[in-house]
């Protein structure tokens, strides 16, 4: 019983970390695209 609880908790923890990483990656990519777009606009 205890083993299944530990496995379940670790799976939830890993899933949470993956979701956070994906969200941070998406936000970072969006910021990077906005920055490069602003820079190309400034160069024109």
PDB file of N, CA and C in Angstrom:
ATOM      1  N   UNK A   1       0.838  -1.207   0.000  1.00  0.00           N
ATOM      2  CA  UNK A   1       0.000   0.000   0.000  1.00  0.00           C
ATOM      3  C   UNK A   1       0.874   1.259   0.000  1.00  0.00           C
ATOM      4  N   UNK A   2       1.860   1.284   0.891  1.00  0.00           N
ATOM      5  CA  UNK A   2       2.709   2.472   1.001  1.00  0.00           C
ATOM      6  C   UNK A   2       3.481   2.700  -0.299  1.00  0.00           C
ATOM      7  N   UNK A   3       3.919   1.608  -0.931  1.00  0.00           N
ATOM      8  CA  UNK A   3       4.698   1.743  -2.177  1.00  0.00           C
ATOM      9  C   UNK A   3       3.877   2.431  -3.264  1.00  0.00           C
ATOM     10  N   UNK A   4       2.618   2.041  -3.415  1.00  0.00           N
ATOM     11  CA  UNK A   4       1.787   2.646  -4.463  1.00  0.00           C
ATOM     12  C   UNK A   4       1.586   4.129  -4.193  1.00  0.00           C
ATOM     13  N   UNK A   5       1.442   4.508  -2.922  1.00  0.00           N
ATOM     14  CA  UNK A   5       1.268   5.927  -2.575  1.00  0.00           C
ATOM     15  C   UNK A   5       2.513   6.705  -2.966  1.00  0.00           C
ATOM     16  N   UNK A   6       3.690   6.162  -2.649  1.00  0.00           N
ATOM     17  CA  UNK A   6       4.959   6.842  -2.968  1.00  0.00           C
ATOM     18  C   UNK A   6       5.105   6.989  -4.484  1.00  0.00           C
ATOM     19  N   UNK A   7       4.791   5.921  -5.222  1.00  0.00           N
ATOM     20  CA  UNK A   7       4.898   5.964  -6.691  1.00  0.00           C
ATOM     21  C   UNK A   7       3.941   7.020  -7.245  1.00  0.00           C
ATOM     22  N   UNK A   8       2.701   7.034  -6.719  1.00  0.00           N
ATOM     23  CA  UNK A   8       1.698   7.994  -7.193  1.00  0.00           C
ATOM     24  C   UNK A   8       2.150   9.425  -6.934  1.00  0.00           C
ATOM     25  N   UNK A   9       2.657   9.670  -5.725  1.00  0.00           N
ATOM     26  CA  UNK A   9       3.109  11.021  -5.366  1.00  0.00           C
ATOM     27  C   UNK A   9       4.259  11.452  -6.267  1.00  0.00           C
ATOM     28  N   UNK A  10       5.218  10.560  -6.503  1.00  0.00           N
ATOM     29  CA  UNK A  10       6.362  10.931  -7.345  1.00  0.00           C
ATOM     30  C   UNK A  10       5.915  11.182  -8.785  1.00  0.00           C
ATOM     31  N   UNK A  11       4.953  10.414  -9.267  1.00  0.00           N
ATOM     32  CA  UNK A  11       4.442  10.635 -10.629  1.00  0.00           C
ATOM     33  C   UNK A  11       3.767  11.996 -10.733  1.00  0.00           C
ATOM     34  N   UNK A  12       2.956  12.339  -9.728  1.00  0.00           N
ATOM     35  CA  UNK A  12       2.283  13.646  -9.727  1.00  0.00           C
ATOM     36  C   UNK A  12       3.321  14.763  -9.685  1.00  0.00           C
ATOM     37  N   UNK A  13       4.370  14.578  -8.854  1.00  0.00           N
ATOM     38  CA  UNK A  13       5.425  15.595  -8.722  1.00  0.00           C
ATOM     39  C   UNK A  13       6.129  15.797 -10.065  1.00  0.00           C
ATOM     40  N   UNK A  14       6.462  14.691 -10.735  1.00  0.00           N
ATOM     41  CA  UNK A  14       7.139  14.776 -12.038  1.00  0.00           C
ATOM     42  C   UNK A  14       6.230  15.466 -13.056  1.00  0.00           C
ATOM     43  N   UNK A  15       4.953  15.090 -13.064  1.00  0.00           N
ATOM     44  CA  UNK A  15       4.009  15.695 -14.007  1.00  0.00           C
ATOM     45  C   UNK A  15       3.908  17.201 -13.766  1.00  0.00           C
ATOM     46  N   UNK A  16       3.864  17.607 -12.501  1.00  0.00           N
ATOM     47  CA  UNK A  16       3.799  19.028 -12.167  1.00  0.00           C
ATOM     48  C   UNK A  16       5.028  19.768 -12.661  1.00  0.00           C
ATOM     49  N   UNK A  17       6.199  19.154 -12.478  1.00  0.00           N
ATOM     50  CA  UNK A  17       7.439  19.789 -12.933  1.00  0.00           C
ATOM     51  C   UNK A  17       7.449  19.933 -14.452  1.00  0.00           C
ATOM     52  N   UNK A  18       6.984  18.902 -15.153  1.00  0.00           N
ATOM     53  CA  UNK A  18       6.955  18.946 -16.620  1.00  0.00           C
ATOM     54  C   UNK A  18       6.035  20.072 -17.092  1.00  0.00           C
ATOM     55  N   UNK A  19       4.861  20.193 -16.461  1.00  0.00           N
ATOM     56  CA  UNK A  19       3.909  21.247 -16.845  1.00  0.00           C
ATOM     57  C   UNK A  19       4.528  22.621 -16.612  1.00  0.00           C
ATOM     58  N   UNK A  20       5.189  22.784 -15.452  1.00  0.00           N
ATOM     59  CA  UNK A  20       5.823  24.077 -15.143  1.00  0.00           C
ATOM     60  C   UNK A  20       6.915  24.391 -16.164  1.00  0.00           C
ATOM     61  N   UNK A  21       7.726  23.397 -16.500  1.00  0.00           N
ATOM     62  CA  UNK A  21       8.809  23.606 -17.463  1.00  0.00           C
ATOM     63  C   UNK A  21       8.245  23.984 -18.828  1.00  0.00           C
ATOM     64  N   UNK A  22       7.183  23.288 -19.252  1.00  0.00           N
ATOM     65  CA  UNK A  22       6.590  23.588 -20.559  1.00  0.00           C
ATOM     66  C   UNK A  22       6.018  24.999 -20.581  1.00  0.00           C
ATOM     67  N   UNK A  23       5.359  25.396 -19.487  1.00  0.00           N
ATOM     68  CA  UNK A  23       4.788  26.746 -19.417  1.00  0.00           C
ATOM     69  C   UNK A  23       5.906  27.788 -19.464  1.00  0.00           C
ATOM     70  N   UNK A  24       6.967  27.557 -18.703  1.00  0.00           N
ATOM     71  CA  UNK A  24       8.093  28.499 -18.679  1.00  0.00           C
ATOM     72  C   UNK A  24       8.743  28.568 -20.062  1.00  0.00           C
ATOM     73  N   UNK A  25       8.882  27.410 -20.727  1.00  0.00           N
ATOM     74  CA  UNK A  25       9.481  27.370 -22.063  1.00  0.00           C
ATOM     75  C   UNK A  25       8.628  28.159 -23.054  1.00  0.00           C
ATOM     76  N   UNK A  26       7.302  27.960 -22.981  1.00  0.00           N
ATOM     77  CA  UNK A  26       6.399  28.671 -23.893  1.00  0.00           C
ATOM     78  C   UNK A  26       6.490  30.168 -23.674  1.00  0.00           C
ATOM     79  N   UNK A  27       6.478  30.590 -22.396  1.00  0.00           N
ATOM     80  CA  UNK A  27       6.553  32.024 -22.076  1.00  0.00           C
ATOM     81  C   UNK A  27       7.884  32.580 -22.581  1.00  0.00           C
ATOM     82  N   UNK A  28       8.964  31.835 -22.367  1.00  0.00           N
ATOM     83  CA  UNK A  28      10.292  32.276 -22.805  1.00  0.00           C
ATOM     84  C   UNK A  28      10.352  32.416 -24.317  1.00  0.00           C
ATOM     85  N   UNK A  29       9.792  31.452 -25.031  1.00  0.00           N
ATOM     86  CA  UNK A  29       9.792  31.506 -26.496  1.00  0.00           C
ATOM     87  C   UNK A  29       8.978  32.707 -26.967  1.00  0.00           C
ATOM     88  N   UNK A  30       7.821  32.927 -26.326  1.00  0.00           N
ATOM     89  CA  UNK A  30       6.965  34.056 -26.710  1.00  0.00           C
ATOM     90  C   UNK A  30       7.707  35.370 -26.491  1.00  0.00           C
ATOM     91  N   UNK A  31       8.377  35.502 -25.334  1.00  0.00           N
ATOM     92  CA  UNK A  31       9.150  36.713 -25.048  1.00  0.00           C
ATOM     93  C   UNK A  31      10.263  36.881 -26.079  1.00  0.00           C
ATOM     94  N   UNK A  32      10.938  35.797 -26.419  1.00  0.00           N
ATOM     95  CA  UNK A  32      12.027  35.863 -27.387  1.00  0.00           C
ATOM     96  C   UNK A  32      11.524  36.321 -28.747  1.00  0.00           C
ATOM     97  N   UNK A  33      10.368  35.803 -29.173  1.00  0.00           N
ATOM     98  CA  UNK A  33       9.798  36.194 -30.471  1.00  0.00           C
ATOM     99  C   UNK A  33       9.430  37.675 -30.439  1.00  0.00           C
ATOM    100  N   UNK A  34       8.802  38.116 -29.341  1.00  0.00           N
ATOM    101  CA  UNK A  34       8.417  39.531 -29.229  1.00  0.00           C
ATOM    102  C   UNK A  34       9.652  40.424 -29.269  1.00  0.00           C
ATOM    103  N   UNK A  35      10.717  40.017 -28.561  1.00  0.00           N
ATOM    104  CA  UNK A  35      11.940  40.830 -28.515  1.00  0.00           C
ATOM    105  C   UNK A  35      12.580  40.924 -29.894  1.00  0.00           C
ATOM    106  N   UNK A  36      12.695  39.786 -30.585  1.00  0.00           N
ATOM    107  CA  UNK A  36      13.333  39.809 -31.904  1.00  0.00           C
ATOM    108  C   UNK A  36      12.479  40.621 -32.882  1.00  0.00           C
ATOM    109  N   UNK A  37      11.166  40.558 -32.733  1.00  0.00           N
ATOM    110  CA  UNK A  37      10.276  41.335 -33.604  1.00  0.00           C
ATOM    111  C   UNK A  37      10.474  42.829 -33.343  1.00  0.00           C
ATOM    112  N   UNK A  38      10.563  43.205 -32.063  1.00  0.00           N
ATOM    113  CA  UNK A  38      10.760  44.612 -31.703  1.00  0.00           C
ATOM    114  C   UNK A  38      12.109  45.102 -32.233  1.00  0.00           C
ATOM    115  N   UNK A  39      13.129  44.253 -32.136  1.00  0.00           N
ATOM    116  CA  UNK A  39      14.457  44.644 -32.630  1.00  0.00           C
ATOM    117  C   UNK A  39      14.435  44.842 -34.144  1.00  0.00           C
ATOM    118  N   UNK A  40      13.769  43.950 -34.864  1.00  0.00           N
ATOM    119  CA  UNK A  40      13.721  44.089 -36.323  1.00  0.00           C
ATOM    120  C   UNK A  40      12.910  45.330 -36.714  1.00  0.00           C
ATOM    121  N   UNK A  41      11.889  45.665 -35.936  1.00  0.00           N
ATOM    122  CA  UNK A  41      11.119  46.892 -36.198  1.00  0.00           C
ATOM    123  C   UNK A  41      11.990  48.125 -35.977  1.00  0.00           C
ATOM    124  N   UNK A  42      12.823  48.095 -34.928  1.00  0.00           N
ATOM    125  CA  UNK A  42      13.675  49.245 -34.602  1.00  0.00           C
ATOM    126  C   UNK A  42      14.735  49.449 -35.685  1.00  0.00           C
ATOM    127  N   UNK A  43      15.180  48.361 -36.315  1.00  0.00           N
ATOM    128  CA  UNK A  43      16.238  48.466 -37.329  1.00  0.00           C
ATOM    129  C   UNK A  43      15.725  49.085 -38.624  1.00  0.00           C
ATOM    130  N   UNK A  44      14.416  48.960 -38.896  1.00  0.00           N
ATOM    131  CA  UNK A  44      13.862  49.469 -40.158  1.00  0.00           C
ATOM    132  C   UNK A  44      13.939  50.980 -40.267  1.00  0.00           C
TER     133      UNK A  44
END
